[in-house]
């Protein structure tokens, strides 16, 4: 199994991991092996949205040790927290 020892580390840009509606979120991800990354958002309604890859960041291949930010610094979009909370 190629991905038997795959380790993914993900973190957000607020050290408290706490956000309020209206805040902007940046997610960082790093893997110890080359891999393909998909990030999904599951809302409080149960609705699922794929947030990475997306039309601005189409290539979802990540290389070992590389940090990927979503959205990237040069992306033309933000992830804004909205309600309802939960």
C-alpha atoms as a PDB file:
ATOM      1  CA  UNK A   1       0.000   0.000   0.000  1.00  0.00           C
ATOM      2  CA  UNK A   2       1.640   3.151  -1.207  1.00  0.00           C
ATOM      3  CA  UNK A   3      -0.242   5.468   1.175  1.00  0.00           C
ATOM      4  CA  UNK A   4       0.076   3.213   4.222  1.00  0.00           C
ATOM      5  CA  UNK A   5       2.214   5.782   6.077  1.00  0.00           C
ATOM      6  CA  UNK A   6       0.600   8.911   4.631  1.00  0.00           C
ATOM      7  CA  UNK A   7       0.358  11.703   7.197  1.00  0.00           C
ATOM      8  CA  UNK A   8      -1.603  14.874   6.498  1.00  0.00           C
ATOM      9  CA  UNK A   9      -1.269  17.912   8.759  1.00  0.00           C
ATOM     10  CA  UNK A  10      -3.823  20.703   8.457  1.00  0.00           C
ATOM     11  CA  UNK A  11      -4.169  23.963  10.357  1.00  0.00           C
ATOM     12  CA  UNK A  12      -5.999  27.271  10.132  1.00  0.00           C
ATOM     13  CA  UNK A  13      -4.695  30.798  10.384  1.00  0.00           C
ATOM     14  CA  UNK A  14      -6.267  31.608  13.786  1.00  0.00           C
ATOM     15  CA  UNK A  15      -4.190  30.088  16.569  1.00  0.00           C
ATOM     16  CA  UNK A  16      -7.350  29.821  18.725  1.00  0.00           C
ATOM     17  CA  UNK A  17      -9.116  27.792  15.986  1.00  0.00           C
ATOM     18  CA  UNK A  18     -12.129  29.981  16.744  1.00  0.00           C
ATOM     19  CA  UNK A  19     -13.979  31.989  14.130  1.00  0.00           C
ATOM     20  CA  UNK A  20     -17.068  34.203  14.082  1.00  0.00           C
ATOM     21  CA  UNK A  21     -19.414  34.881  11.183  1.00  0.00           C
ATOM     22  CA  UNK A  22     -17.695  37.319   8.828  1.00  0.00           C
ATOM     23  CA  UNK A  23     -14.149  36.121   9.615  1.00  0.00           C
ATOM     24  CA  UNK A  24     -11.924  35.008   6.738  1.00  0.00           C
ATOM     25  CA  UNK A  25     -10.356  31.529   6.987  1.00  0.00           C
ATOM     26  CA  UNK A  26      -7.152  30.273   5.389  1.00  0.00           C
ATOM     27  CA  UNK A  27      -6.436  26.553   5.619  1.00  0.00           C
ATOM     28  CA  UNK A  28      -2.890  25.197   5.329  1.00  0.00           C
ATOM     29  CA  UNK A  29      -2.149  21.552   4.521  1.00  0.00           C
ATOM     30  CA  UNK A  30       1.069  19.549   4.364  1.00  0.00           C
ATOM     31  CA  UNK A  31       1.647  15.870   3.567  1.00  0.00           C
ATOM     32  CA  UNK A  32       4.668  13.644   4.150  1.00  0.00           C
ATOM     33  CA  UNK A  33       4.213  11.977   0.724  1.00  0.00           C
ATOM     34  CA  UNK A  34       3.138  13.116  -2.710  1.00  0.00           C
ATOM     35  CA  UNK A  35      -0.653  12.872  -2.812  1.00  0.00           C
ATOM     36  CA  UNK A  36      -3.831  14.292  -4.289  1.00  0.00           C
ATOM     37  CA  UNK A  37      -5.843  16.466  -1.929  1.00  0.00           C
ATOM     38  CA  UNK A  38      -9.581  17.098  -1.846  1.00  0.00           C
ATOM     39  CA  UNK A  39     -11.133  19.351   0.801  1.00  0.00           C
ATOM     40  CA  UNK A  40     -14.864  19.231   1.476  1.00  0.00           C
ATOM     41  CA  UNK A  41     -17.035  21.565   3.529  1.00  0.00           C
ATOM     42  CA  UNK A  42     -20.044  19.957   5.198  1.00  0.00           C
ATOM     43  CA  UNK A  43     -22.497  22.630   6.285  1.00  0.00           C
ATOM     44  CA  UNK A  44     -24.866  22.488   9.234  1.00  0.00           C
ATOM     45  CA  UNK A  45     -27.626  21.510   6.773  1.00  0.00           C
ATOM     46  CA  UNK A  46     -25.583  18.483   5.677  1.00  0.00           C
ATOM     47  CA  UNK A  47     -24.929  19.996   2.262  1.00  0.00           C
ATOM     48  CA  UNK A  48     -21.445  19.196   0.935  1.00  0.00           C
ATOM     49  CA  UNK A  49     -19.278  21.588  -1.116  1.00  0.00           C
ATOM     50  CA  UNK A  50     -15.892  20.775  -2.588  1.00  0.00           C
ATOM     51  CA  UNK A  51     -13.623  23.705  -1.735  1.00  0.00           C
ATOM     52  CA  UNK A  52     -10.376  22.263  -3.074  1.00  0.00           C
ATOM     53  CA  UNK A  53      -9.620  21.798  -5.889  1.00  0.00           C
ATOM     54  CA  UNK A  54     -11.650  24.696  -7.242  1.00  0.00           C
ATOM     55  CA  UNK A  55     -11.773  26.902 -10.331  1.00  0.00           C
ATOM     56  CA  UNK A  56      -8.944  29.090  -8.981  1.00  0.00           C
ATOM     57  CA  UNK A  57      -6.734  26.269  -7.679  1.00  0.00           C
ATOM     58  CA  UNK A  58      -7.321  23.410 -10.104  1.00  0.00           C
ATOM     59  CA  UNK A  59      -4.254  21.273  -9.431  1.00  0.00           C
ATOM     60  CA  UNK A  60      -4.856  19.189  -6.327  1.00  0.00           C
ATOM     61  CA  UNK A  61      -1.531  17.352  -6.391  1.00  0.00           C
ATOM     62  CA  UNK A  62       0.575  18.140  -3.359  1.00  0.00           C
ATOM     63  CA  UNK A  63       4.217  17.198  -3.057  1.00  0.00           C
ATOM     64  CA  UNK A  64       5.823  15.769   0.066  1.00  0.00           C
ATOM     65  CA  UNK A  65       6.721  18.557   2.499  1.00  0.00           C
ATOM     66  CA  UNK A  66       5.009  21.280   0.448  1.00  0.00           C
ATOM     67  CA  UNK A  67       2.549  23.531   2.277  1.00  0.00           C
ATOM     68  CA  UNK A  68      -0.634  24.278   0.342  1.00  0.00           C
ATOM     69  CA  UNK A  69      -2.798  27.223   1.396  1.00  0.00           C
ATOM     70  CA  UNK A  70      -6.483  27.359   0.523  1.00  0.00           C
ATOM     71  CA  UNK A  71      -7.140  29.902  -0.703  1.00  0.00           C
ATOM     72  CA  UNK A  72      -3.638  30.630  -1.959  1.00  0.00           C
ATOM     73  CA  UNK A  73      -2.199  34.133  -1.576  1.00  0.00           C
ATOM     74  CA  UNK A  74      -2.823  34.887  -5.255  1.00  0.00           C
ATOM     75  CA  UNK A  75      -6.340  33.359  -5.431  1.00  0.00           C
ATOM     76  CA  UNK A  76      -9.183  35.681  -6.318  1.00  0.00           C
ATOM     77  CA  UNK A  77     -11.487  34.523  -3.508  1.00  0.00           C
ATOM     78  CA  UNK A  78     -11.797  34.199   0.285  1.00  0.00           C
ATOM     79  CA  UNK A  79     -13.515  31.730   2.587  1.00  0.00           C
ATOM     80  CA  UNK A  80     -15.774  33.740   4.830  1.00  0.00           C
ATOM     81  CA  UNK A  81     -17.397  32.181   7.876  1.00  0.00           C
ATOM     82  CA  UNK A  82     -21.175  32.397   7.803  1.00  0.00           C
ATOM     83  CA  UNK A  83     -24.023  31.175   9.978  1.00  0.00           C
ATOM     84  CA  UNK A  84     -25.767  29.407  11.358  1.00  0.00           C
ATOM     85  CA  UNK A  85     -23.040  28.408  13.783  1.00  0.00           C
ATOM     86  CA  UNK A  86     -22.668  24.804  14.775  1.00  0.00           C
END
